Amino acid sequence: MVARRTDSQTATSVCWGFFSELFEMWRRLVTQARDALLRLSSRLFPAEKTGPPALPRPWLLRSSVVWFGDAALVLGVGLGIALAAPGQSRYLAAWVGAQAVLWAIVRWLLMRAAGRGAARDGSILLGASSLGLLAFAVAVTPELRVLAWAASAVLTWLGLTRLGDRTREAGRTVAVAWGAQALVVAASWIARNGVLAWFASRG
């Protein structure tokens, strides 16, 4: 005699199946996006290209560049909080600012792990990434944060190429760090909205 499944067991099975399908969809999306990023970086940064003429290294390797970059990031976060409306909006701005600081650290770690050529030099990587942080001084609204994020990638790439890295290697290093952030943010957005849509349909 086969025991009948209760309503609770049926609901659990349906919920588990939904999240399993959602995870598989997210995994396929991340894999396809990663492959697309690698193909795009290979096309944009062919092996035969070289970086622009190197500027004097001390200019980007001074400690003042690091301080200016960190100060620009803190300034952008502080202005975003100060300009937000009091109450829930201000707490949200603080949370977004904390995420910006965390992602700056994660991007640097990813660049360090993926760095090739001149990017393997820790001082060069720190100088280039600090140059990229300057863009975040104006990241006080959602639209400006997106523009600052893209501009920081360009500035970091320029910093790496000016310090002697080849165009292709600098492009790969930046693509890994910024591409990983874009994938995580996109995947989390899809997962969150998928869950909300599922609960809405159940209601």
N, C-alpha and C. Protein backbone atom coordinates (compact mmCIF):
# COMPACT_ATOMS: atom_id res chain seq x y z
N MET A 1 0.84 -1.20 0.00
CA MET A 1 0.00 0.00 0.00
C MET A 1 0.88 1.25 0.00
N VAL A 2 0.63 2.17 -0.91
CA VAL A 2 1.45 3.37 -1.04
C VAL A 2 0.82 4.50 -0.24
N ALA A 3 1.63 5.13 0.62
CA ALA A 3 1.12 6.23 1.45
C ALA A 3 0.86 7.45 0.57
N ARG A 4 -0.26 8.12 0.82
CA ARG A 4 -0.60 9.31 0.05
C ARG A 4 0.23 10.49 0.54
N ARG A 5 0.66 11.33 -0.39
CA ARG A 5 1.45 12.49 -0.05
C ARG A 5 0.54 13.58 0.50
N THR A 6 1.02 14.21 1.54
CA THR A 6 0.25 15.29 2.14
C THR A 6 0.41 16.55 1.31
N ASP A 7 -0.49 17.54 1.57
CA ASP A 7 -0.39 18.82 0.86
C ASP A 7 0.93 19.51 1.13
N SER A 8 1.44 19.36 2.35
CA SER A 8 2.72 19.99 2.70
C SER A 8 3.86 19.39 1.91
N GLN A 9 3.85 18.04 1.76
CA GLN A 9 4.90 17.39 0.98
C GLN A 9 4.83 17.78 -0.49
N THR A 10 3.59 17.89 -0.99
CA THR A 10 3.43 18.29 -2.40
C THR A 10 3.94 19.70 -2.63
N ALA A 11 3.62 20.62 -1.71
CA ALA A 11 4.09 22.00 -1.84
C ALA A 11 5.60 22.08 -1.75
N THR A 12 6.19 21.28 -0.86
CA THR A 12 7.65 21.27 -0.73
C THR A 12 8.31 20.77 -2.00
N SER A 13 7.71 19.71 -2.61
CA SER A 13 8.27 19.16 -3.84
C SER A 13 8.19 20.17 -4.97
N VAL A 14 7.04 20.88 -5.07
CA VAL A 14 6.89 21.89 -6.13
C VAL A 14 7.87 23.03 -5.93
N CYS A 15 8.02 23.48 -4.68
CA CYS A 15 8.94 24.58 -4.38
C CYS A 15 10.38 24.18 -4.69
N TRP A 16 10.75 22.94 -4.30
CA TRP A 16 12.12 22.47 -4.57
C TRP A 16 12.37 22.37 -6.08
N GLY A 17 11.36 21.89 -6.82
CA GLY A 17 11.53 21.80 -8.27
C GLY A 17 11.69 23.16 -8.90
N PHE A 18 10.96 24.16 -8.41
CA PHE A 18 11.07 25.52 -8.95
C PHE A 18 12.46 26.09 -8.73
N PHE A 19 12.96 25.96 -7.51
CA PHE A 19 14.28 26.52 -7.22
C PHE A 19 15.38 25.75 -7.95
N SER A 20 15.19 24.45 -8.17
CA SER A 20 16.18 23.68 -8.93
C SER A 20 16.25 24.17 -10.37
N GLU A 21 15.06 24.40 -10.97
CA GLU A 21 15.03 24.92 -12.33
C GLU A 21 15.61 26.33 -12.40
N LEU A 22 15.33 27.15 -11.38
CA LEU A 22 15.87 28.50 -11.34
C LEU A 22 17.39 28.49 -11.24
N PHE A 23 17.94 27.58 -10.45
CA PHE A 23 19.39 27.48 -10.31
C PHE A 23 20.03 27.03 -11.61
N GLU A 24 19.42 26.04 -12.29
CA GLU A 24 19.96 25.57 -13.55
C GLU A 24 19.94 26.67 -14.60
N MET A 25 18.85 27.47 -14.62
CA MET A 25 18.77 28.60 -15.56
C MET A 25 19.85 29.61 -15.25
N TRP A 26 20.08 29.92 -13.96
CA TRP A 26 21.13 30.86 -13.57
C TRP A 26 22.50 30.34 -13.95
N ARG A 27 22.74 29.03 -13.76
CA ARG A 27 24.06 28.46 -14.08
C ARG A 27 24.32 28.53 -15.57
N ARG A 28 23.31 28.22 -16.39
CA ARG A 28 23.48 28.31 -17.84
C ARG A 28 23.73 29.75 -18.27
N LEU A 29 23.01 30.69 -17.65
CA LEU A 29 23.19 32.11 -17.98
C LEU A 29 24.61 32.58 -17.66
N VAL A 30 25.10 32.21 -16.48
CA VAL A 30 26.45 32.62 -16.09
C VAL A 30 27.49 32.01 -17.03
N THR A 31 27.32 30.73 -17.40
CA THR A 31 28.28 30.07 -18.29
C THR A 31 28.28 30.73 -19.66
N GLN A 32 27.11 31.01 -20.20
CA GLN A 32 27.03 31.66 -21.51
C GLN A 32 27.59 33.07 -21.48
N ALA A 33 27.30 33.80 -20.42
CA ALA A 33 27.82 35.16 -20.31
C ALA A 33 29.33 35.16 -20.17
N ARG A 34 29.87 34.20 -19.40
CA ARG A 34 31.32 34.12 -19.24
C ARG A 34 32.00 33.85 -20.58
N ASP A 35 31.46 32.88 -21.34
CA ASP A 35 32.04 32.56 -22.65
C ASP A 35 31.95 33.75 -23.59
N ALA A 36 30.82 34.48 -23.52
CA ALA A 36 30.67 35.66 -24.37
C ALA A 36 31.69 36.74 -24.01
N LEU A 37 31.93 36.92 -22.71
CA LEU A 37 32.91 37.92 -22.28
C LEU A 37 34.32 37.55 -22.76
N LEU A 38 34.66 36.27 -22.69
CA LEU A 38 35.98 35.85 -23.13
C LEU A 38 36.14 36.05 -24.64
N ARG A 39 35.09 35.73 -25.40
CA ARG A 39 35.17 35.94 -26.85
C ARG A 39 35.26 37.42 -27.19
N LEU A 40 34.48 38.23 -26.46
CA LEU A 40 34.50 39.66 -26.72
C LEU A 40 35.87 40.26 -26.40
N SER A 41 36.46 39.85 -25.26
CA SER A 41 37.77 40.40 -24.90
C SER A 41 38.84 39.99 -25.90
N SER A 42 38.73 38.77 -26.47
CA SER A 42 39.71 38.32 -27.47
C SER A 42 39.60 39.15 -28.75
N ARG A 43 38.35 39.55 -29.09
CA ARG A 43 38.17 40.35 -30.30
C ARG A 43 38.59 41.80 -30.11
N LEU A 44 38.27 42.33 -28.92
CA LEU A 44 38.60 43.73 -28.66
C LEU A 44 40.09 43.94 -28.41
N PHE A 45 40.76 42.92 -27.88
CA PHE A 45 42.17 43.07 -27.52
C PHE A 45 42.99 41.96 -28.17
N PRO A 46 43.18 42.04 -29.50
CA PRO A 46 43.96 41.01 -30.20
C PRO A 46 45.40 41.01 -29.74
N ALA A 47 46.05 39.88 -29.94
CA ALA A 47 47.40 39.68 -29.40
C ALA A 47 48.42 40.63 -30.01
N GLU A 48 48.21 41.04 -31.26
CA GLU A 48 49.24 41.85 -31.91
C GLU A 48 49.25 43.30 -31.46
N LYS A 49 48.20 43.74 -30.76
CA LYS A 49 48.18 45.14 -30.33
C LYS A 49 49.05 45.33 -29.09
N THR A 50 49.60 46.49 -28.98
CA THR A 50 50.40 46.83 -27.81
C THR A 50 49.80 48.05 -27.14
N GLY A 51 50.18 48.26 -25.92
CA GLY A 51 49.63 49.39 -25.17
C GLY A 51 50.23 50.71 -25.60
N PRO A 52 49.64 51.82 -25.18
CA PRO A 52 50.18 53.15 -25.49
C PRO A 52 51.55 53.33 -24.85
N PRO A 53 52.30 54.32 -25.30
CA PRO A 53 53.61 54.55 -24.70
C PRO A 53 53.51 54.76 -23.20
N ALA A 54 54.42 54.15 -22.49
CA ALA A 54 54.36 54.20 -21.02
C ALA A 54 54.72 55.60 -20.52
N LEU A 55 53.94 56.09 -19.57
CA LEU A 55 54.27 57.33 -18.88
C LEU A 55 55.28 57.02 -17.78
N PRO A 56 55.91 58.05 -17.24
CA PRO A 56 56.83 57.79 -16.12
C PRO A 56 56.11 57.05 -15.01
N ARG A 57 56.63 55.92 -14.62
CA ARG A 57 55.95 55.06 -13.65
C ARG A 57 55.69 55.74 -12.31
N PRO A 58 56.60 56.58 -11.82
CA PRO A 58 56.32 57.16 -10.49
C PRO A 58 55.02 57.93 -10.41
N TRP A 59 54.52 58.47 -11.55
CA TRP A 59 53.29 59.27 -11.49
C TRP A 59 52.10 58.45 -11.00
N LEU A 60 51.93 57.24 -11.50
CA LEU A 60 50.81 56.40 -11.09
C LEU A 60 51.14 55.50 -9.91
N LEU A 61 52.38 55.44 -9.54
CA LEU A 61 52.78 54.55 -8.46
C LEU A 61 53.01 55.30 -7.15
N ARG A 62 52.74 56.60 -7.15
CA ARG A 62 52.87 57.35 -5.91
C ARG A 62 51.75 56.99 -4.96
N SER A 63 52.03 57.09 -3.67
CA SER A 63 51.01 56.79 -2.68
C SER A 63 49.85 57.78 -2.74
N SER A 64 50.11 58.99 -3.25
CA SER A 64 49.04 59.99 -3.34
C SER A 64 47.94 59.54 -4.28
N VAL A 65 48.28 58.77 -5.34
CA VAL A 65 47.26 58.26 -6.25
C VAL A 65 46.33 57.31 -5.52
N VAL A 66 46.90 56.46 -4.67
CA VAL A 66 46.09 55.53 -3.90
C VAL A 66 45.17 56.29 -2.95
N TRP A 67 45.72 57.31 -2.29
CA TRP A 67 44.91 58.09 -1.36
C TRP A 67 43.80 58.84 -2.08
N PHE A 68 44.11 59.41 -3.24
CA PHE A 68 43.10 60.13 -4.01
C PHE A 68 41.99 59.18 -4.47
N GLY A 69 42.37 57.98 -4.89
CA GLY A 69 41.37 57.01 -5.32
C GLY A 69 40.46 56.60 -4.19
N ASP A 70 41.05 56.28 -3.03
CA ASP A 70 40.24 55.90 -1.87
C ASP A 70 39.35 57.06 -1.43
N ALA A 71 39.91 58.28 -1.44
CA ALA A 71 39.14 59.45 -1.03
C ALA A 71 37.98 59.70 -1.98
N ALA A 72 38.19 59.46 -3.28
CA ALA A 72 37.11 59.66 -4.26
C ALA A 72 35.97 58.68 -4.02
N LEU A 73 36.31 57.45 -3.71
CA LEU A 73 35.28 56.46 -3.43
C LEU A 73 34.48 56.83 -2.18
N VAL A 74 35.19 57.22 -1.12
CA VAL A 74 34.53 57.61 0.12
C VAL A 74 33.68 58.87 -0.10
N LEU A 75 34.19 59.80 -0.91
CA LEU A 75 33.45 61.02 -1.19
C LEU A 75 32.14 60.70 -1.91
N GLY A 76 32.21 59.84 -2.91
CA GLY A 76 31.00 59.47 -3.64
C GLY A 76 29.97 58.79 -2.75
N VAL A 77 30.45 57.89 -1.88
CA VAL A 77 29.54 57.21 -0.95
C VAL A 77 28.91 58.22 0.01
N GLY A 78 29.75 59.13 0.56
CA GLY A 78 29.25 60.12 1.51
C GLY A 78 28.24 61.06 0.89
N LEU A 79 28.52 61.52 -0.34
CA LEU A 79 27.58 62.42 -1.02
C LEU A 79 26.27 61.70 -1.34
N GLY A 80 26.37 60.43 -1.71
CA GLY A 80 25.16 59.67 -2.00
C GLY A 80 24.26 59.56 -0.78
N ILE A 81 24.87 59.36 0.39
CA ILE A 81 24.09 59.27 1.64
C ILE A 81 23.53 60.64 2.01
N ALA A 82 24.37 61.67 1.88
CA ALA A 82 23.93 63.02 2.28
C ALA A 82 22.80 63.54 1.39
N LEU A 83 22.82 63.20 0.10
CA LEU A 83 21.82 63.71 -0.82
C LEU A 83 20.54 62.89 -0.83
N ALA A 84 20.57 61.71 -0.18
CA ALA A 84 19.37 60.88 -0.12
C ALA A 84 18.36 61.48 0.85
N ALA A 85 17.11 61.20 0.60
CA ALA A 85 16.05 61.70 1.48
C ALA A 85 16.16 61.01 2.84
N PRO A 86 15.87 61.71 3.92
CA PRO A 86 15.94 61.11 5.25
C PRO A 86 15.01 59.90 5.36
N GLY A 87 15.41 58.98 6.22
CA GLY A 87 14.58 57.81 6.43
C GLY A 87 15.11 56.60 5.67
N GLN A 88 14.17 55.84 5.09
CA GLN A 88 14.54 54.59 4.42
C GLN A 88 15.50 54.82 3.27
N SER A 89 15.35 55.93 2.53
CA SER A 89 16.23 56.20 1.38
C SER A 89 17.67 56.38 1.82
N ARG A 90 17.87 56.97 2.97
CA ARG A 90 19.23 57.18 3.46
C ARG A 90 19.87 55.85 3.87
N TYR A 91 19.09 54.98 4.48
CA TYR A 91 19.62 53.65 4.82
C TYR A 91 19.96 52.87 3.56
N LEU A 92 19.12 53.00 2.54
CA LEU A 92 19.38 52.32 1.28
C LEU A 92 20.65 52.86 0.63
N ALA A 93 20.85 54.17 0.68
CA ALA A 93 22.06 54.77 0.12
C ALA A 93 23.30 54.28 0.86
N ALA A 94 23.19 54.13 2.18
CA ALA A 94 24.32 53.62 2.95
C ALA A 94 24.63 52.18 2.57
N TRP A 95 23.59 51.38 2.35
CA TRP A 95 23.78 49.99 1.94
C TRP A 95 24.43 49.92 0.55
N VAL A 96 23.98 50.76 -0.36
CA VAL A 96 24.58 50.79 -1.70
C VAL A 96 26.04 51.24 -1.62
N GLY A 97 26.32 52.21 -0.75
CA GLY A 97 27.70 52.66 -0.59
C GLY A 97 28.60 51.56 -0.03
N ALA A 98 28.08 50.81 0.93
CA ALA A 98 28.86 49.69 1.48
C ALA A 98 29.15 48.65 0.41
N GLN A 99 28.16 48.41 -0.46
CA GLN A 99 28.37 47.47 -1.55
C GLN A 99 29.45 47.98 -2.52
N ALA A 100 29.46 49.30 -2.77
CA ALA A 100 30.46 49.87 -3.67
C ALA A 100 31.87 49.66 -3.12
N VAL A 101 32.03 49.86 -1.82
CA VAL A 101 33.35 49.64 -1.20
C VAL A 101 33.73 48.17 -1.27
N LEU A 102 32.77 47.29 -0.97
CA LEU A 102 33.05 45.85 -1.02
C LEU A 102 33.44 45.41 -2.43
N TRP A 103 32.72 45.90 -3.43
CA TRP A 103 33.02 45.51 -4.81
C TRP A 103 34.37 46.06 -5.26
N ALA A 104 34.76 47.23 -4.75
CA ALA A 104 36.10 47.75 -5.09
C ALA A 104 37.18 46.79 -4.61
N ILE A 105 36.99 46.24 -3.41
CA ILE A 105 37.95 45.27 -2.87
C ILE A 105 37.92 43.97 -3.67
N VAL A 106 36.71 43.49 -3.99
CA VAL A 106 36.58 42.24 -4.73
C VAL A 106 37.18 42.37 -6.12
N ARG A 107 36.93 43.51 -6.79
CA ARG A 107 37.51 43.71 -8.12
C ARG A 107 39.03 43.68 -8.06
N TRP A 108 39.60 44.31 -7.03
CA TRP A 108 41.06 44.32 -6.92
C TRP A 108 41.59 42.90 -6.73
N LEU A 109 40.90 42.11 -5.91
CA LEU A 109 41.33 40.73 -5.69
C LEU A 109 41.21 39.91 -6.97
N LEU A 110 40.13 40.13 -7.73
CA LEU A 110 39.97 39.42 -8.99
C LEU A 110 41.04 39.82 -10.00
N MET A 111 41.36 41.10 -10.03
CA MET A 111 42.42 41.56 -10.94
C MET A 111 43.76 40.97 -10.55
N ARG A 112 44.00 40.88 -9.27
CA ARG A 112 45.26 40.30 -8.80
C ARG A 112 45.37 38.82 -9.16
N ALA A 113 44.21 38.12 -9.09
CA ALA A 113 44.21 36.70 -9.43
C ALA A 113 44.34 36.47 -10.94
N ALA A 114 43.75 37.38 -11.73
CA ALA A 114 43.74 37.20 -13.18
C ALA A 114 44.87 37.94 -13.88
N GLY A 115 45.63 38.75 -13.15
CA GLY A 115 46.64 39.59 -13.77
C GLY A 115 47.73 38.82 -14.49
N ARG A 116 48.08 39.34 -15.64
CA ARG A 116 49.20 38.80 -16.42
C ARG A 116 50.10 39.96 -16.82
N GLY A 117 51.28 39.65 -17.25
CA GLY A 117 52.19 40.70 -17.68
C GLY A 117 52.49 41.67 -16.56
N ALA A 118 52.42 42.97 -16.87
CA ALA A 118 52.72 43.99 -15.88
C ALA A 118 51.72 43.99 -14.74
N ALA A 119 50.50 43.49 -15.01
CA ALA A 119 49.46 43.48 -13.98
C ALA A 119 49.81 42.53 -12.83
N ARG A 120 50.80 41.68 -13.02
CA ARG A 120 51.22 40.81 -11.92
C ARG A 120 51.95 41.59 -10.83
N ASP A 121 52.46 42.75 -11.19
CA ASP A 121 53.14 43.61 -10.22
C ASP A 121 52.09 44.24 -9.32
N GLY A 122 52.16 43.96 -8.01
CA GLY A 122 51.16 44.47 -7.08
C GLY A 122 51.08 45.98 -7.05
N SER A 123 52.23 46.67 -7.15
CA SER A 123 52.22 48.13 -7.11
C SER A 123 51.56 48.71 -8.35
N ILE A 124 51.80 48.10 -9.52
CA ILE A 124 51.16 48.55 -10.76
C ILE A 124 49.66 48.34 -10.68
N LEU A 125 49.25 47.20 -10.19
CA LEU A 125 47.82 46.89 -10.07
C LEU A 125 47.14 47.84 -9.11
N LEU A 126 47.80 48.16 -8.01
CA LEU A 126 47.23 49.07 -7.03
C LEU A 126 47.10 50.49 -7.60
N GLY A 127 48.12 50.93 -8.32
CA GLY A 127 48.06 52.26 -8.92
C GLY A 127 46.96 52.38 -9.96
N ALA A 128 46.84 51.34 -10.81
CA ALA A 128 45.82 51.37 -11.86
C ALA A 128 44.41 51.31 -11.27
N SER A 129 44.21 50.44 -10.29
CA SER A 129 42.88 50.33 -9.69
C SER A 129 42.52 51.59 -8.91
N SER A 130 43.50 52.23 -8.29
CA SER A 130 43.24 53.48 -7.58
C SER A 130 42.86 54.59 -8.55
N LEU A 131 43.48 54.59 -9.73
CA LEU A 131 43.10 55.55 -10.76
C LEU A 131 41.65 55.34 -11.17
N GLY A 132 41.24 54.09 -11.25
CA GLY A 132 39.86 53.79 -11.60
C GLY A 132 38.86 54.25 -10.57
N LEU A 133 39.26 54.28 -9.30
CA LEU A 133 38.35 54.71 -8.24
C LEU A 133 38.00 56.19 -8.31
N LEU A 134 38.80 56.97 -9.02
CA LEU A 134 38.52 58.40 -9.12
C LEU A 134 37.14 58.68 -9.71
N ALA A 135 36.68 57.78 -10.58
CA ALA A 135 35.37 57.99 -11.22
C ALA A 135 34.23 57.95 -10.22
N PHE A 136 34.42 57.28 -9.08
CA PHE A 136 33.33 57.12 -8.12
C PHE A 136 33.09 58.37 -7.29
N ALA A 137 33.88 59.41 -7.49
CA ALA A 137 33.65 60.65 -6.74
C ALA A 137 32.30 61.27 -7.10
N VAL A 138 31.78 60.98 -8.29
CA VAL A 138 30.50 61.56 -8.73
C VAL A 138 29.37 60.54 -8.70
N ALA A 139 29.61 59.37 -8.12
CA ALA A 139 28.59 58.31 -8.12
C ALA A 139 27.59 58.54 -7.00
N VAL A 140 26.71 59.53 -7.19
CA VAL A 140 25.77 59.92 -6.13
C VAL A 140 24.33 59.54 -6.45
N THR A 141 24.05 59.10 -7.68
CA THR A 141 22.72 58.65 -8.07
C THR A 141 22.87 57.31 -8.78
N PRO A 142 21.79 56.53 -8.92
CA PRO A 142 21.91 55.24 -9.62
C PRO A 142 22.48 55.37 -11.01
N GLU A 143 22.04 56.40 -11.76
CA GLU A 143 22.55 56.57 -13.12
C GLU A 143 24.04 56.91 -13.12
N LEU A 144 24.44 57.81 -12.23
CA LEU A 144 25.85 58.19 -12.16
C LEU A 144 26.71 57.04 -11.65
N ARG A 145 26.13 56.19 -10.80
CA ARG A 145 26.90 55.03 -10.32
C ARG A 145 27.22 54.07 -11.46
N VAL A 146 26.26 53.88 -12.36
CA VAL A 146 26.51 53.02 -13.52
C VAL A 146 27.58 53.62 -14.41
N LEU A 147 27.49 54.93 -14.67
CA LEU A 147 28.49 55.60 -15.49
C LEU A 147 29.87 55.55 -14.83
N ALA A 148 29.91 55.76 -13.51
CA ALA A 148 31.18 55.72 -12.79
C ALA A 148 31.78 54.32 -12.83
N TRP A 149 30.92 53.31 -12.74
CA TRP A 149 31.40 51.93 -12.80
C TRP A 149 32.06 51.65 -14.15
N ALA A 150 31.42 52.08 -15.24
CA ALA A 150 31.99 51.88 -16.57
C ALA A 150 33.26 52.72 -16.75
N ALA A 151 33.23 53.97 -16.28
CA ALA A 151 34.40 54.84 -16.41
C ALA A 151 35.58 54.30 -15.61
N SER A 152 35.30 53.69 -14.46
CA SER A 152 36.39 53.15 -13.65
C SER A 152 37.09 52.00 -14.37
N ALA A 153 36.32 51.22 -15.13
CA ALA A 153 36.94 50.14 -15.91
C ALA A 153 37.88 50.70 -16.95
N VAL A 154 37.43 51.77 -17.64
CA VAL A 154 38.27 52.40 -18.67
C VAL A 154 39.53 53.00 -18.05
N LEU A 155 39.38 53.70 -16.93
CA LEU A 155 40.53 54.33 -16.27
C LEU A 155 41.52 53.28 -15.78
N THR A 156 40.99 52.19 -15.23
CA THR A 156 41.88 51.12 -14.77
C THR A 156 42.64 50.50 -15.92
N TRP A 157 41.95 50.27 -17.03
CA TRP A 157 42.61 49.73 -18.22
C TRP A 157 43.69 50.69 -18.73
N LEU A 158 43.37 51.98 -18.77
CA LEU A 158 44.38 52.96 -19.19
C LEU A 158 45.57 52.97 -18.25
N GLY A 159 45.30 52.86 -16.94
CA GLY A 159 46.39 52.82 -15.98
C GLY A 159 47.32 51.64 -16.21
N LEU A 160 46.74 50.47 -16.48
CA LEU A 160 47.56 49.28 -16.72
C LEU A 160 48.39 49.43 -18.00
N THR A 161 47.76 49.95 -19.06
CA THR A 161 48.50 50.08 -20.32
C THR A 161 49.59 51.15 -20.21
N ARG A 162 49.33 52.24 -19.49
CA ARG A 162 50.34 53.29 -19.34
C ARG A 162 51.52 52.82 -18.51
N LEU A 163 51.28 51.83 -17.67
CA LEU A 163 52.36 51.32 -16.83
C LEU A 163 53.07 50.14 -17.46
N GLY A 164 52.81 49.91 -18.74
CA GLY A 164 53.60 48.93 -19.47
C GLY A 164 52.90 47.65 -19.81
N ASP A 165 51.65 47.44 -19.41
CA ASP A 165 50.97 46.21 -19.75
C ASP A 165 50.50 46.27 -21.20
N ARG A 166 50.46 45.12 -21.84
CA ARG A 166 49.96 45.05 -23.20
C ARG A 166 48.45 45.26 -23.20
N THR A 167 47.95 45.81 -24.32
CA THR A 167 46.53 46.13 -24.42
C THR A 167 45.66 44.91 -24.16
N ARG A 168 46.04 43.78 -24.74
CA ARG A 168 45.23 42.57 -24.60
C ARG A 168 45.23 42.08 -23.15
N GLU A 169 46.41 42.05 -22.54
CA GLU A 169 46.50 41.55 -21.17
C GLU A 169 45.76 42.48 -20.21
N ALA A 170 45.89 43.79 -20.40
CA ALA A 170 45.17 44.74 -19.56
C ALA A 170 43.66 44.58 -19.74
N GLY A 171 43.23 44.38 -20.98
CA GLY A 171 41.81 44.19 -21.25
C GLY A 171 41.26 42.93 -20.60
N ARG A 172 42.02 41.86 -20.64
CA ARG A 172 41.58 40.61 -20.00
C ARG A 172 41.47 40.78 -18.49
N THR A 173 42.45 41.45 -17.90
CA THR A 173 42.44 41.64 -16.45
C THR A 173 41.21 42.43 -16.01
N VAL A 174 40.94 43.52 -16.73
CA VAL A 174 39.78 44.35 -16.39
C VAL A 174 38.48 43.61 -16.69
N ALA A 175 38.43 42.88 -17.81
CA ALA A 175 37.20 42.16 -18.18
C ALA A 175 36.83 41.12 -17.14
N VAL A 176 37.82 40.45 -16.58
CA VAL A 176 37.53 39.43 -15.56
C VAL A 176 36.90 40.07 -14.33
N ALA A 177 37.49 41.17 -13.84
CA ALA A 177 36.99 41.80 -12.62
C ALA A 177 35.62 42.44 -12.82
N TRP A 178 35.50 43.27 -13.84
CA TRP A 178 34.23 43.97 -14.06
C TRP A 178 33.17 43.02 -14.61
N GLY A 179 33.58 42.06 -15.43
CA GLY A 179 32.63 41.09 -15.95
C GLY A 179 32.06 40.21 -14.86
N ALA A 180 32.90 39.81 -13.90
CA ALA A 180 32.41 38.99 -12.79
C ALA A 180 31.39 39.76 -11.96
N GLN A 181 31.64 41.05 -11.73
CA GLN A 181 30.67 41.85 -10.98
C GLN A 181 29.36 41.96 -11.75
N ALA A 182 29.44 42.20 -13.05
CA ALA A 182 28.22 42.32 -13.85
C ALA A 182 27.42 41.02 -13.84
N LEU A 183 28.11 39.88 -13.90
CA LEU A 183 27.43 38.59 -13.89
C LEU A 183 26.72 38.35 -12.56
N VAL A 184 27.40 38.64 -11.47
CA VAL A 184 26.81 38.42 -10.14
C VAL A 184 25.59 39.32 -9.94
N VAL A 185 25.73 40.58 -10.31
CA VAL A 185 24.61 41.52 -10.14
C VAL A 185 23.43 41.10 -11.01
N ALA A 186 23.70 40.72 -12.28
CA ALA A 186 22.62 40.31 -13.18
C ALA A 186 21.95 39.03 -12.67
N ALA A 187 22.75 38.07 -12.22
CA ALA A 187 22.19 36.82 -11.72
C ALA A 187 21.34 37.04 -10.48
N SER A 188 21.81 37.89 -9.57
CA SER A 188 21.04 38.16 -8.36
C SER A 188 19.74 38.88 -8.69
N TRP A 189 19.78 39.79 -9.68
CA TRP A 189 18.57 40.50 -10.09
C TRP A 189 17.56 39.54 -10.69
N ILE A 190 18.03 38.63 -11.55
CA ILE A 190 17.13 37.64 -12.17
C ILE A 190 16.55 36.71 -11.11
N ALA A 191 17.39 36.24 -10.19
CA ALA A 191 16.91 35.34 -9.15
C ALA A 191 15.88 36.02 -8.26
N ARG A 192 16.17 37.26 -7.85
CA ARG A 192 15.25 37.98 -6.97
C ARG A 192 13.91 38.21 -7.64
N ASN A 193 13.94 38.67 -8.89
CA ASN A 193 12.69 38.93 -9.59
C ASN A 193 11.95 37.64 -9.94
N GLY A 194 12.72 36.57 -10.17
CA GLY A 194 12.07 35.29 -10.42
C GLY A 194 11.32 34.79 -9.20
N VAL A 195 11.94 34.92 -8.03
CA VAL A 195 11.29 34.50 -6.79
C VAL A 195 10.06 35.35 -6.51
N LEU A 196 10.18 36.68 -6.71
CA LEU A 196 9.05 37.57 -6.47
C LEU A 196 7.90 37.24 -7.44
N ALA A 197 8.24 36.96 -8.70
CA ALA A 197 7.20 36.63 -9.67
C ALA A 197 6.51 35.32 -9.31
N TRP A 198 7.31 34.37 -8.80
CA TRP A 198 6.73 33.08 -8.41
C TRP A 198 5.76 33.23 -7.24
N PHE A 199 6.18 34.02 -6.23
CA PHE A 199 5.30 34.23 -5.09
C PHE A 199 4.06 35.03 -5.49
N ALA A 200 4.23 35.96 -6.43
CA ALA A 200 3.08 36.72 -6.90
C ALA A 200 2.09 35.82 -7.61
N SER A 201 2.61 34.87 -8.40
CA SER A 201 1.72 33.95 -9.12
C SER A 201 1.03 33.01 -8.16
N ARG A 202 1.68 32.67 -7.07
CA ARG A 202 1.07 31.78 -6.08
C ARG A 202 -0.04 32.51 -5.31
N GLY A 203 0.14 33.87 -5.19
CA GLY A 203 -0.86 34.63 -4.46
C GLY A 203 -2.11 34.81 -5.29
